[in-house]
N, C-alpha and C. Protein backbone atom coordinates (compact mmCIF):
# COMPACT_ATOMS: atom_id res chain seq x y z
N MET A 1 -9.30 62.70 84.56
CA MET A 1 -8.79 63.77 83.89
C MET A 1 -9.41 63.84 82.63
N ASN A 2 -9.81 64.92 81.85
CA ASN A 2 -10.40 64.92 80.57
C ASN A 2 -9.26 64.91 79.59
N LEU A 3 -9.73 63.82 78.76
CA LEU A 3 -8.63 63.58 77.56
C LEU A 3 -8.21 64.64 76.87
N PHE A 4 -9.09 65.84 76.73
CA PHE A 4 -8.95 66.85 75.72
C PHE A 4 -8.55 68.08 76.54
N GLU A 5 -7.92 67.96 77.71
CA GLU A 5 -7.38 69.01 78.52
C GLU A 5 -6.00 69.65 77.75
N ASP A 6 -5.46 68.86 77.12
CA ASP A 6 -4.31 69.14 76.24
C ASP A 6 -4.17 68.70 74.91
N ASN A 7 -5.08 69.29 73.89
CA ASN A 7 -5.16 68.83 72.57
C ASN A 7 -3.80 68.66 71.90
N SER A 8 -3.07 69.75 72.22
CA SER A 8 -1.77 69.75 71.42
C SER A 8 -0.80 68.53 71.65
N ARG A 9 -1.15 67.69 72.48
CA ARG A 9 -0.24 66.57 72.76
C ARG A 9 -0.76 65.32 71.90
N ILE A 10 -1.90 65.44 71.16
CA ILE A 10 -2.66 64.36 70.33
C ILE A 10 -2.21 64.59 68.92
N GLU A 11 -1.19 63.86 68.36
CA GLU A 11 -0.75 64.04 66.98
C GLU A 11 -1.53 63.34 66.28
N LYS A 12 -2.03 63.97 65.09
CA LYS A 12 -2.84 63.39 63.84
C LYS A 12 -2.12 63.27 62.68
N ILE A 13 -2.17 62.22 61.93
CA ILE A 13 -1.41 61.81 60.86
C ILE A 13 -2.54 61.53 59.77
N ILE A 14 -2.56 62.54 58.50
CA ILE A 14 -3.38 62.00 57.32
C ILE A 14 -2.70 60.99 56.46
N LEU A 15 -3.45 59.66 56.19
CA LEU A 15 -2.76 58.73 55.50
C LEU A 15 -2.90 59.08 53.98
N PRO A 16 -1.85 58.91 53.38
CA PRO A 16 -1.72 59.48 51.80
C PRO A 16 -2.43 58.35 51.05
N MET A 17 -3.99 58.17 51.01
CA MET A 17 -4.29 57.10 50.36
C MET A 17 -5.41 57.77 49.30
N GLN A 18 -5.42 57.28 48.07
CA GLN A 18 -6.37 57.69 47.15
C GLN A 18 -7.86 57.05 47.18
N ASP A 19 -8.77 57.76 47.01
CA ASP A 19 -9.95 57.46 47.19
C ASP A 19 -10.49 57.18 48.62
N ALA A 20 -10.10 57.62 49.72
CA ALA A 20 -10.15 57.49 51.06
C ALA A 20 -9.85 58.89 51.93
N VAL A 21 -10.55 58.72 53.01
CA VAL A 21 -10.28 59.76 54.11
C VAL A 21 -9.92 59.03 55.10
N VAL A 22 -8.62 58.95 55.46
CA VAL A 22 -8.04 58.12 56.79
C VAL A 22 -7.20 58.99 57.61
N SER A 23 -7.51 58.94 59.10
CA SER A 23 -6.44 59.78 59.80
C SER A 23 -6.29 58.86 61.03
N TYR A 24 -4.90 59.06 61.42
CA TYR A 24 -4.47 58.09 62.47
C TYR A 24 -3.73 59.16 63.55
N TYR A 25 -4.02 58.71 64.84
CA TYR A 25 -3.83 59.28 65.99
C TYR A 25 -2.87 58.40 66.97
N PRO A 26 -1.63 58.24 66.86
CA PRO A 26 -0.85 57.31 67.35
C PRO A 26 -0.93 57.34 68.74
N ASN A 27 -1.08 58.55 69.63
CA ASN A 27 -1.29 58.62 70.98
C ASN A 27 -2.66 59.12 71.32
N PHE A 28 -3.62 58.67 70.91
CA PHE A 28 -4.93 59.14 71.29
C PHE A 28 -5.11 59.08 72.78
N TYR A 29 -4.76 57.96 73.40
CA TYR A 29 -4.58 57.60 74.87
C TYR A 29 -3.09 57.60 75.29
N SER A 30 -2.70 58.10 76.46
CA SER A 30 -1.45 57.74 77.11
C SER A 30 -1.37 56.12 77.14
N LYS A 31 -0.23 55.64 77.09
CA LYS A 31 0.13 54.14 77.36
C LYS A 31 -0.45 53.86 78.58
N ALA A 32 -0.37 54.37 79.77
CA ALA A 32 -0.93 53.97 81.25
C ALA A 32 -2.45 53.97 80.96
N LYS A 33 -3.09 55.13 80.52
CA LYS A 33 -4.44 55.08 80.56
C LYS A 33 -5.09 54.02 79.58
N ALA A 34 -4.29 53.66 78.53
CA ALA A 34 -4.89 52.71 77.39
C ALA A 34 -4.63 51.29 78.26
N LEU A 35 -3.71 51.00 79.17
CA LEU A 35 -3.47 49.86 79.77
C LEU A 35 -4.69 49.77 80.60
N LEU A 36 -5.26 50.89 81.54
CA LEU A 36 -6.29 50.67 82.58
C LEU A 36 -7.66 50.03 81.72
N PHE A 37 -7.92 50.79 80.61
CA PHE A 37 -8.73 50.57 79.56
C PHE A 37 -8.72 49.12 79.07
N GLN A 38 -7.69 48.63 78.56
CA GLN A 38 -7.36 47.49 78.01
C GLN A 38 -7.55 46.31 79.31
N GLU A 39 -7.31 46.35 80.31
CA GLU A 39 -7.54 45.37 81.38
C GLU A 39 -9.02 45.38 81.83
N GLU A 40 -9.52 46.44 81.80
CA GLU A 40 -10.95 46.52 82.31
C GLU A 40 -11.73 45.80 81.45
N ILE A 41 -11.61 46.28 79.99
CA ILE A 41 -12.14 45.50 78.96
C ILE A 41 -12.31 44.10 78.65
N GLN A 42 -11.00 43.89 78.97
CA GLN A 42 -10.68 42.22 78.66
C GLN A 42 -11.31 41.55 79.78
N GLN A 43 -11.32 41.87 80.88
CA GLN A 43 -11.84 41.35 82.22
C GLN A 43 -13.20 41.20 82.23
N HIS A 44 -13.79 42.26 81.61
CA HIS A 44 -15.21 42.22 82.02
C HIS A 44 -16.27 42.18 80.93
N THR A 45 -15.90 41.88 79.60
CA THR A 45 -16.62 41.80 78.50
C THR A 45 -17.03 40.42 78.31
N PRO A 46 -18.27 40.16 77.96
CA PRO A 46 -18.74 38.57 77.64
C PRO A 46 -18.58 38.52 76.40
N TRP A 47 -17.21 37.92 76.06
CA TRP A 47 -16.48 37.55 74.74
C TRP A 47 -17.33 36.28 74.18
N GLN A 48 -17.36 36.37 73.08
CA GLN A 48 -17.96 35.25 72.33
C GLN A 48 -17.25 34.82 71.09
N GLU A 49 -17.23 33.21 70.82
CA GLU A 49 -16.37 32.65 69.93
C GLU A 49 -17.58 32.23 68.77
N ASP A 50 -17.46 32.79 67.81
CA ASP A 50 -18.68 32.49 66.38
C ASP A 50 -18.04 31.41 65.56
N ASP A 51 -18.85 30.72 64.89
CA ASP A 51 -18.36 29.83 63.80
C ASP A 51 -18.47 30.56 62.58
N ILE A 52 -17.59 30.37 61.57
CA ILE A 52 -17.59 30.95 60.31
C ILE A 52 -17.76 29.63 59.20
N LYS A 53 -18.01 30.05 58.17
CA LYS A 53 -18.23 28.91 57.09
C LYS A 53 -17.66 29.30 55.86
N LEU A 54 -16.53 28.78 55.55
CA LEU A 54 -15.61 29.10 54.16
C LEU A 54 -15.58 27.74 53.39
N PHE A 55 -16.02 27.87 52.12
CA PHE A 55 -15.99 27.04 51.22
C PHE A 55 -16.49 25.55 51.57
N GLY A 56 -17.47 25.69 52.42
CA GLY A 56 -18.56 24.63 52.69
C GLY A 56 -18.16 23.95 54.10
N LYS A 57 -17.12 24.49 54.60
CA LYS A 57 -16.48 23.94 56.04
C LYS A 57 -16.74 24.93 57.09
N VAL A 58 -16.87 24.69 58.33
CA VAL A 58 -17.06 25.54 59.51
C VAL A 58 -15.99 25.42 60.19
N TYR A 59 -15.65 26.55 60.61
CA TYR A 59 -14.31 27.00 61.59
C TYR A 59 -14.75 27.93 62.60
N LYS A 60 -13.94 27.97 63.68
CA LYS A 60 -13.96 29.09 64.70
C LYS A 60 -13.29 30.12 64.20
N GLN A 61 -14.18 31.08 64.48
CA GLN A 61 -13.65 32.53 63.98
C GLN A 61 -12.15 32.82 64.91
N PRO A 62 -11.41 33.40 64.19
CA PRO A 62 -10.01 33.42 64.82
C PRO A 62 -9.90 34.55 65.54
N ARG A 63 -10.65 34.93 66.58
CA ARG A 63 -10.79 36.01 67.42
C ARG A 63 -12.04 36.05 68.30
N LEU A 64 -11.86 36.57 69.21
CA LEU A 64 -13.28 36.80 70.18
C LEU A 64 -14.06 38.07 70.02
N THR A 65 -15.23 38.12 70.06
CA THR A 65 -15.70 39.32 69.82
C THR A 65 -16.94 39.74 70.75
N ALA A 66 -17.51 40.80 70.67
CA ALA A 66 -18.66 41.22 71.50
C ALA A 66 -19.17 42.62 71.00
N LEU A 67 -20.38 42.75 71.09
CA LEU A 67 -21.27 43.78 70.30
C LEU A 67 -22.02 44.83 71.58
N TYR A 68 -21.74 46.15 71.29
CA TYR A 68 -22.52 46.61 72.54
C TYR A 68 -23.13 47.96 71.54
N GLY A 69 -24.31 48.56 72.04
CA GLY A 69 -25.06 49.47 71.23
C GLY A 69 -26.17 50.12 71.59
N ASP A 70 -26.85 51.06 71.08
CA ASP A 70 -27.87 51.89 71.83
C ASP A 70 -29.27 51.35 71.80
N SER A 71 -29.38 50.21 70.94
CA SER A 71 -30.77 49.43 70.82
C SER A 71 -30.51 47.93 70.74
N ASN A 72 -31.48 47.29 70.59
CA ASN A 72 -31.51 45.75 70.64
C ASN A 72 -31.33 45.14 69.26
N LYS A 73 -31.29 46.14 68.18
CA LYS A 73 -31.17 45.86 66.73
C LYS A 73 -30.11 44.92 66.57
N PRO A 74 -30.02 43.64 66.04
CA PRO A 74 -28.95 42.80 65.72
C PRO A 74 -28.08 43.30 64.57
N TYR A 75 -26.82 43.18 64.62
CA TYR A 75 -26.01 43.47 63.54
C TYR A 75 -25.26 42.11 62.90
N ARG A 76 -25.30 42.00 61.58
CA ARG A 76 -25.08 41.15 60.68
C ARG A 76 -23.47 41.23 59.83
N TYR A 77 -22.78 40.56 60.01
CA TYR A 77 -21.56 40.74 59.00
C TYR A 77 -20.88 39.39 58.85
N SER A 78 -20.53 39.09 57.62
CA SER A 78 -19.79 37.94 57.46
C SER A 78 -20.55 36.67 57.80
N ASN A 79 -21.84 36.66 57.42
CA ASN A 79 -22.85 35.78 58.01
C ASN A 79 -23.00 35.48 59.48
N ILE A 80 -22.62 36.48 60.29
CA ILE A 80 -22.55 36.14 61.70
C ILE A 80 -23.52 37.25 62.11
N GLN A 81 -24.53 36.74 62.97
CA GLN A 81 -25.53 37.98 63.54
C GLN A 81 -25.36 37.99 64.88
N MET A 82 -25.20 39.11 65.39
CA MET A 82 -24.87 39.63 66.83
C MET A 82 -25.79 40.44 67.61
N SER A 83 -26.18 40.25 68.60
CA SER A 83 -27.13 41.04 69.47
C SER A 83 -26.23 41.89 70.34
N PRO A 84 -26.57 43.11 70.54
CA PRO A 84 -26.02 44.12 71.21
C PRO A 84 -26.00 43.95 72.82
N ASN A 85 -24.92 44.12 73.47
CA ASN A 85 -25.04 44.45 75.03
C ASN A 85 -25.30 45.73 75.23
N GLN A 86 -25.92 46.16 76.52
CA GLN A 86 -25.82 47.50 76.97
C GLN A 86 -24.65 48.18 77.13
N TRP A 87 -24.42 49.29 76.71
CA TRP A 87 -23.09 50.11 77.03
C TRP A 87 -22.65 50.07 78.47
N SER A 88 -21.38 49.69 78.60
CA SER A 88 -20.76 49.87 80.11
C SER A 88 -20.30 51.30 80.35
N PRO A 89 -20.18 51.85 81.36
CA PRO A 89 -19.54 53.25 81.75
C PRO A 89 -18.26 53.43 81.01
N THR A 90 -17.47 52.27 80.91
CA THR A 90 -16.14 52.54 80.43
C THR A 90 -16.13 52.64 78.82
N LEU A 91 -17.11 51.92 78.14
CA LEU A 91 -17.28 52.19 76.83
C LEU A 91 -18.01 53.39 76.44
N LEU A 92 -18.95 53.87 77.16
CA LEU A 92 -19.43 55.23 77.07
C LEU A 92 -18.49 56.35 77.02
N LYS A 93 -17.55 56.14 78.11
CA LYS A 93 -16.63 57.24 78.29
C LYS A 93 -15.74 57.44 76.84
N ILE A 94 -15.35 56.01 76.39
CA ILE A 94 -14.48 56.06 75.34
C ILE A 94 -15.14 56.62 74.22
N LYS A 95 -16.40 56.31 74.02
CA LYS A 95 -17.38 56.67 72.74
C LYS A 95 -17.33 58.28 72.87
N GLU A 96 -17.60 58.66 74.05
CA GLU A 96 -17.66 60.34 74.07
C GLU A 96 -16.17 60.80 73.78
N ASP A 97 -15.06 60.49 74.02
CA ASP A 97 -13.78 60.77 73.83
C ASP A 97 -13.61 61.02 72.16
N ILE A 98 -13.97 59.67 71.44
CA ILE A 98 -13.83 59.87 70.33
C ILE A 98 -14.88 60.36 69.38
N GLU A 99 -16.02 60.82 70.05
CA GLU A 99 -17.10 61.68 69.26
C GLU A 99 -16.51 62.96 69.30
N SER A 100 -15.86 63.46 70.51
CA SER A 100 -15.55 64.66 70.59
C SER A 100 -14.33 65.14 69.43
N ILE A 101 -13.43 64.01 69.02
CA ILE A 101 -12.29 64.44 68.19
C ILE A 101 -12.84 64.22 67.05
N SER A 102 -13.74 63.29 66.60
CA SER A 102 -14.17 63.13 65.07
C SER A 102 -15.30 63.88 64.59
N ASN A 103 -16.15 64.41 65.66
CA ASN A 103 -17.12 65.05 65.35
C ASN A 103 -18.33 64.29 64.53
N GLN A 104 -18.36 62.87 65.08
CA GLN A 104 -19.15 62.16 64.49
C GLN A 104 -20.08 61.33 65.53
N LYS A 105 -21.23 60.90 65.44
CA LYS A 105 -21.93 60.09 66.57
C LYS A 105 -21.91 58.75 66.17
N PHE A 106 -21.85 57.78 67.14
CA PHE A 106 -21.77 56.49 67.09
C PHE A 106 -22.88 55.81 67.79
N THR A 107 -23.27 54.70 67.38
CA THR A 107 -24.54 53.95 67.84
C THR A 107 -24.17 52.65 68.44
N SER A 108 -23.24 52.16 68.14
CA SER A 108 -22.46 50.78 68.28
C SER A 108 -21.00 50.71 68.62
N VAL A 109 -20.59 49.66 69.00
CA VAL A 109 -19.21 49.15 68.76
C VAL A 109 -19.04 47.84 68.85
N LEU A 110 -18.26 47.36 67.93
CA LEU A 110 -17.66 45.98 67.71
C LEU A 110 -16.27 45.77 68.66
N LEU A 111 -16.36 44.78 69.43
CA LEU A 111 -15.03 44.58 70.07
C LEU A 111 -14.38 43.19 69.67
N ASN A 112 -13.22 43.38 69.24
CA ASN A 112 -12.46 42.20 68.80
C ASN A 112 -11.19 41.83 69.60
N LEU A 113 -11.13 40.74 70.35
CA LEU A 113 -9.86 40.13 71.23
C LEU A 113 -9.04 39.47 70.16
N TYR A 114 -8.10 39.95 70.02
CA TYR A 114 -6.76 38.92 69.25
C TYR A 114 -5.94 38.55 70.35
N ARG A 115 -6.10 37.04 70.69
CA ARG A 115 -5.74 36.43 71.92
C ARG A 115 -4.10 36.34 71.71
N ASP A 116 -3.61 36.32 70.51
CA ASP A 116 -2.23 35.97 70.19
C ASP A 116 -1.94 36.15 68.73
N GLY A 117 -0.78 36.04 68.12
CA GLY A 117 -0.50 36.21 66.90
C GLY A 117 -1.29 35.42 65.68
N SER A 118 -1.75 34.31 66.13
CA SER A 118 -2.56 33.41 65.28
C SER A 118 -3.97 33.86 65.11
N ASP A 119 -4.28 34.76 65.81
CA ASP A 119 -5.60 35.34 65.67
C ASP A 119 -5.49 36.44 64.64
N SER A 120 -6.71 36.58 63.90
CA SER A 120 -6.66 37.51 62.62
C SER A 120 -7.98 38.05 62.21
N ASN A 121 -7.92 38.81 61.19
CA ASN A 121 -9.26 39.60 60.55
C ASN A 121 -8.89 39.42 59.01
N GLY A 122 -9.55 38.60 58.34
CA GLY A 122 -9.27 38.69 56.78
C GLY A 122 -9.81 39.78 55.94
N TRP A 123 -9.30 39.89 54.75
CA TRP A 123 -9.76 40.93 53.96
C TRP A 123 -11.40 41.29 53.78
N HIS A 124 -11.66 42.58 54.23
CA HIS A 124 -13.23 42.85 54.19
C HIS A 124 -13.12 44.45 54.19
N SER A 125 -14.59 44.93 53.73
CA SER A 125 -14.79 46.18 54.13
C SER A 125 -15.96 46.51 55.05
N ASP A 126 -16.12 47.34 55.81
CA ASP A 126 -17.06 47.76 56.75
C ASP A 126 -18.18 48.33 55.73
N ASP A 127 -18.98 47.70 55.16
CA ASP A 127 -19.81 48.43 54.25
C ASP A 127 -21.26 47.56 54.02
N GLU A 128 -21.53 47.07 55.33
CA GLU A 128 -22.90 46.48 55.33
C GLU A 128 -23.85 47.36 55.20
N LYS A 129 -25.05 47.03 54.71
CA LYS A 129 -26.12 47.96 54.33
C LYS A 129 -26.62 48.80 55.54
N GLU A 130 -26.49 48.10 56.73
CA GLU A 130 -26.86 48.77 58.15
C GLU A 130 -26.02 50.01 58.36
N LEU A 131 -24.88 50.03 57.91
CA LEU A 131 -24.14 51.38 58.01
C LEU A 131 -24.58 52.51 57.01
N GLY A 132 -25.11 52.14 56.01
CA GLY A 132 -25.47 53.40 55.09
C GLY A 132 -24.10 53.66 53.88
N LYS A 133 -24.38 54.53 53.16
CA LYS A 133 -23.47 54.63 52.41
C LYS A 133 -22.30 55.66 52.79
N HIS A 134 -20.97 55.27 52.65
CA HIS A 134 -19.66 56.00 53.06
C HIS A 134 -19.89 56.06 54.44
N PRO A 135 -19.92 54.92 55.30
CA PRO A 135 -19.89 55.04 56.64
C PRO A 135 -18.67 55.52 57.22
N TYR A 136 -18.81 55.98 58.78
CA TYR A 136 -17.69 56.79 59.23
C TYR A 136 -17.18 55.52 60.30
N ILE A 137 -16.12 54.95 60.25
CA ILE A 137 -15.65 54.00 61.40
C ILE A 137 -14.43 54.47 62.05
N ALA A 138 -14.42 54.38 63.48
CA ALA A 138 -13.56 54.74 64.48
C ALA A 138 -13.11 53.52 65.02
N SER A 139 -11.43 53.16 64.86
CA SER A 139 -11.10 51.94 65.27
C SER A 139 -9.86 52.19 66.30
N LEU A 140 -10.13 51.74 67.48
CA LEU A 140 -9.26 51.93 68.50
C LEU A 140 -8.48 50.80 68.98
N SER A 141 -7.17 50.97 69.38
CA SER A 141 -6.22 49.63 69.60
C SER A 141 -5.79 49.72 70.98
N PHE A 142 -5.87 48.76 71.48
CA PHE A 142 -5.03 48.52 73.07
C PHE A 142 -4.35 47.27 72.88
N GLY A 143 -3.05 47.29 73.46
CA GLY A 143 -2.46 45.97 73.47
C GLY A 143 -1.44 45.84 72.50
N ALA A 144 -1.15 44.88 72.25
CA ALA A 144 -0.04 44.38 71.24
C ALA A 144 0.00 45.26 69.96
N LYS A 145 0.99 45.44 69.48
CA LYS A 145 1.16 46.24 68.12
C LYS A 145 0.77 45.22 66.98
N ARG A 146 -0.13 45.54 65.98
CA ARG A 146 -0.46 44.79 64.83
C ARG A 146 -0.46 45.67 63.68
N ILE A 147 -0.25 44.77 62.60
CA ILE A 147 0.04 45.55 61.29
C ILE A 147 -1.44 45.62 60.65
N PHE A 148 -1.93 46.69 60.29
CA PHE A 148 -3.18 46.82 59.76
C PHE A 148 -2.94 47.23 57.92
N HIS A 149 -3.55 46.22 57.15
CA HIS A 149 -3.15 46.44 55.58
C HIS A 149 -4.43 46.77 54.92
N PHE A 150 -4.05 47.86 54.21
CA PHE A 150 -5.09 48.22 53.03
C PHE A 150 -4.88 47.79 51.98
N LYS A 151 -5.92 47.64 50.90
CA LYS A 151 -5.68 47.40 49.54
C LYS A 151 -6.81 47.94 48.69
N HIS A 152 -6.71 48.54 47.50
CA HIS A 152 -7.62 49.08 46.83
C HIS A 152 -8.50 48.05 45.99
N LYS A 153 -9.76 48.24 45.81
CA LYS A 153 -10.40 47.33 45.40
C LYS A 153 -10.39 47.26 43.84
N LYS A 154 -9.86 48.37 43.18
CA LYS A 154 -9.79 48.48 41.65
C LYS A 154 -8.57 48.42 41.18
N ASP A 155 -7.79 48.98 42.04
CA ASP A 155 -6.29 49.21 41.44
C ASP A 155 -5.59 48.27 42.49
N PRO A 156 -5.02 46.86 42.14
CA PRO A 156 -4.32 46.45 42.65
C PRO A 156 -2.87 46.84 42.93
N SER A 157 -2.41 47.75 42.61
CA SER A 157 -0.99 48.48 42.79
C SER A 157 -1.23 49.55 43.83
N LEU A 158 -2.47 49.77 44.32
CA LEU A 158 -2.56 50.68 45.50
C LEU A 158 -2.65 49.82 46.66
N LYS A 159 -1.82 50.03 47.75
CA LYS A 159 -1.63 49.10 48.97
C LYS A 159 -1.14 50.01 50.04
N PHE A 160 -1.42 49.94 51.23
CA PHE A 160 -0.80 50.68 52.29
C PHE A 160 -1.08 49.82 53.56
N LYS A 161 0.00 49.86 54.45
CA LYS A 161 -0.02 49.34 55.75
C LYS A 161 0.59 50.14 56.80
N ILE A 162 -0.12 50.00 58.14
CA ILE A 162 0.23 50.93 59.28
C ILE A 162 0.29 50.07 60.45
N ALA A 163 1.27 50.15 61.46
CA ALA A 163 1.36 49.43 62.67
C ALA A 163 0.54 50.46 63.76
N LEU A 164 -0.54 49.57 64.37
CA LEU A 164 -1.46 50.19 65.05
C LEU A 164 -0.89 50.16 66.62
N GLU A 165 -0.41 51.02 67.16
CA GLU A 165 -0.03 51.37 68.32
C GLU A 165 -1.03 51.07 69.48
N HIS A 166 -0.54 50.61 70.57
CA HIS A 166 -1.29 50.70 71.92
C HIS A 166 -1.68 52.08 72.22
N GLY A 167 -3.10 52.19 72.40
CA GLY A 167 -3.64 53.47 72.79
C GLY A 167 -4.04 54.40 71.42
N SER A 168 -3.90 53.77 70.19
CA SER A 168 -3.81 54.75 68.97
C SER A 168 -5.63 54.52 68.43
N LEU A 169 -5.70 55.63 67.55
CA LEU A 169 -6.99 55.64 66.98
C LEU A 169 -7.09 56.02 65.66
N LEU A 170 -7.61 55.08 64.80
CA LEU A 170 -7.56 55.03 63.23
C LEU A 170 -9.08 55.64 62.96
N LEU A 171 -9.28 56.75 62.21
CA LEU A 171 -10.56 57.16 61.82
C LEU A 171 -10.73 56.86 60.01
N MET A 172 -11.75 56.24 59.56
CA MET A 172 -12.01 55.87 58.18
C MET A 172 -13.29 56.51 57.88
N GLY A 173 -13.26 57.55 56.76
CA GLY A 173 -14.59 58.12 56.70
C GLY A 173 -14.56 58.16 54.97
N GLY A 174 -15.47 58.92 54.55
CA GLY A 174 -15.59 59.22 52.97
C GLY A 174 -15.68 58.13 52.33
N ALA A 175 -15.30 57.94 51.15
CA ALA A 175 -15.42 56.67 50.32
C ALA A 175 -14.55 55.73 50.71
N THR A 176 -13.77 55.41 51.81
CA THR A 176 -13.00 54.42 52.19
C THR A 176 -13.61 53.12 52.00
N GLN A 177 -14.49 52.73 52.90
CA GLN A 177 -15.02 51.31 52.61
C GLN A 177 -15.54 51.03 51.34
N GLU A 178 -15.74 52.03 50.18
CA GLU A 178 -16.34 51.66 49.19
C GLU A 178 -15.16 51.31 48.29
N TYR A 179 -14.06 51.89 48.41
CA TYR A 179 -12.65 51.44 47.35
C TYR A 179 -11.76 50.80 48.23
N TRP A 180 -11.88 50.35 49.21
CA TRP A 180 -10.66 49.93 50.03
C TRP A 180 -11.09 48.79 50.76
N LYS A 181 -10.49 47.53 50.79
CA LYS A 181 -10.31 46.70 51.87
C LYS A 181 -9.24 46.61 52.81
N HIS A 182 -9.58 46.01 53.98
CA HIS A 182 -8.49 46.18 55.25
C HIS A 182 -8.56 44.84 55.74
N GLN A 183 -7.44 44.43 56.60
CA GLN A 183 -7.09 43.18 57.32
C GLN A 183 -6.16 43.38 58.39
N ILE A 184 -6.42 42.31 59.38
CA ILE A 184 -5.25 42.25 60.35
C ILE A 184 -4.69 40.76 60.06
N PRO A 185 -3.65 40.51 59.61
CA PRO A 185 -2.92 39.03 59.13
C PRO A 185 -2.62 38.68 60.33
N LYS A 186 -2.50 37.19 60.20
CA LYS A 186 -1.66 36.31 61.29
C LYS A 186 -0.34 36.87 61.41
N SER A 187 0.36 36.80 62.54
CA SER A 187 1.74 37.16 62.74
C SER A 187 2.46 35.83 63.35
N LYS A 188 3.82 35.45 62.89
CA LYS A 188 4.24 34.39 63.60
C LYS A 188 5.12 34.59 64.73
N LYS A 189 5.03 35.86 64.99
CA LYS A 189 5.86 36.58 66.11
C LYS A 189 4.84 35.90 67.33
N MET A 190 5.56 35.92 68.61
CA MET A 190 4.77 35.59 70.01
C MET A 190 4.19 37.08 70.39
N LEU A 191 2.85 36.98 70.30
CA LEU A 191 2.64 38.56 70.67
C LEU A 191 1.37 38.30 71.55
N SER A 192 1.34 39.30 72.74
CA SER A 192 0.32 39.43 73.79
C SER A 192 -0.98 39.67 73.04
N PRO A 193 -2.28 39.66 73.89
CA PRO A 193 -3.35 40.09 73.52
C PRO A 193 -3.51 41.44 72.90
N ARG A 194 -4.42 41.65 71.95
CA ARG A 194 -4.93 42.81 71.56
C ARG A 194 -6.40 42.97 71.50
N ILE A 195 -6.74 44.44 71.69
CA ILE A 195 -8.22 44.64 71.94
C ILE A 195 -8.51 45.60 70.94
N ASN A 196 -9.43 45.63 69.98
CA ASN A 196 -9.66 46.58 69.02
C ASN A 196 -11.20 46.81 69.30
N LEU A 197 -11.68 48.12 69.16
CA LEU A 197 -12.99 48.76 69.24
C LEU A 197 -13.28 49.15 68.06
N THR A 198 -14.19 48.86 67.16
CA THR A 198 -14.69 49.52 66.10
C THR A 198 -16.14 50.19 66.24
N PHE A 199 -15.99 51.62 66.41
CA PHE A 199 -17.39 52.09 66.78
C PHE A 199 -18.00 52.38 65.22
N ARG A 200 -19.09 52.59 65.18
CA ARG A 200 -19.86 52.69 64.02
C ARG A 200 -21.39 53.20 64.27
N ASP A 201 -21.98 53.79 63.22
CA ASP A 201 -23.25 54.31 63.32
C ASP A 201 -24.19 53.31 62.62
N ILE A 202 -24.86 52.31 63.41
CA ILE A 202 -25.91 51.61 62.59
C ILE A 202 -27.17 52.25 62.44
N LYS A 203 -27.65 52.20 61.02
CA LYS A 203 -28.75 52.97 60.85
C LYS A 203 -30.06 52.18 61.17
N GLU A 204 -31.03 52.74 61.74
CA GLU A 204 -32.49 52.33 61.82
C GLU A 204 -33.12 52.13 60.52
N GLY A 205 -34.01 51.18 60.56
CA GLY A 205 -35.07 50.75 59.63
C GLY A 205 -34.45 49.96 58.39
């Protein structure tokens, strides 16, 4: 079934954030379809656990990751360099669905597996030079609901948070990465796994 046979059922919410262009689709995929994607991706992805260095000490990154892309060009973020895998049919289908609704083209996707509530992603912006100025990021969520936090880089009084639902899509464009940071904090709750796919366009050269 084509995702867009019934566009009227896909709800779009514009987040009221200054210096940002962010929209949220809570039901981009149905719960059943999202579960099928989640199980397929979790079982067949070559997950890796990288080391990160903080204040001179080396720790295991608090989540598992994998990178897929159009080319063999490595992608570097937070002092971690990753080499892309070739697209799977499942990821290509998801990419096409997101490109159809966003009117954007993506050349890569970074997958994150949060195994439980103790896995997290600290404050950061998706502003690596390979992404160019004002990158467009599409963030798709499967599995456990997690709270996504935003904070403005220049005005600490500006904050926003949203619960990312199973099968939901968050689109971040414009100057969002220039003015805002975001994170997925740890949770003390007993949470089941969550998979996040962040699609982006890595510039050549």
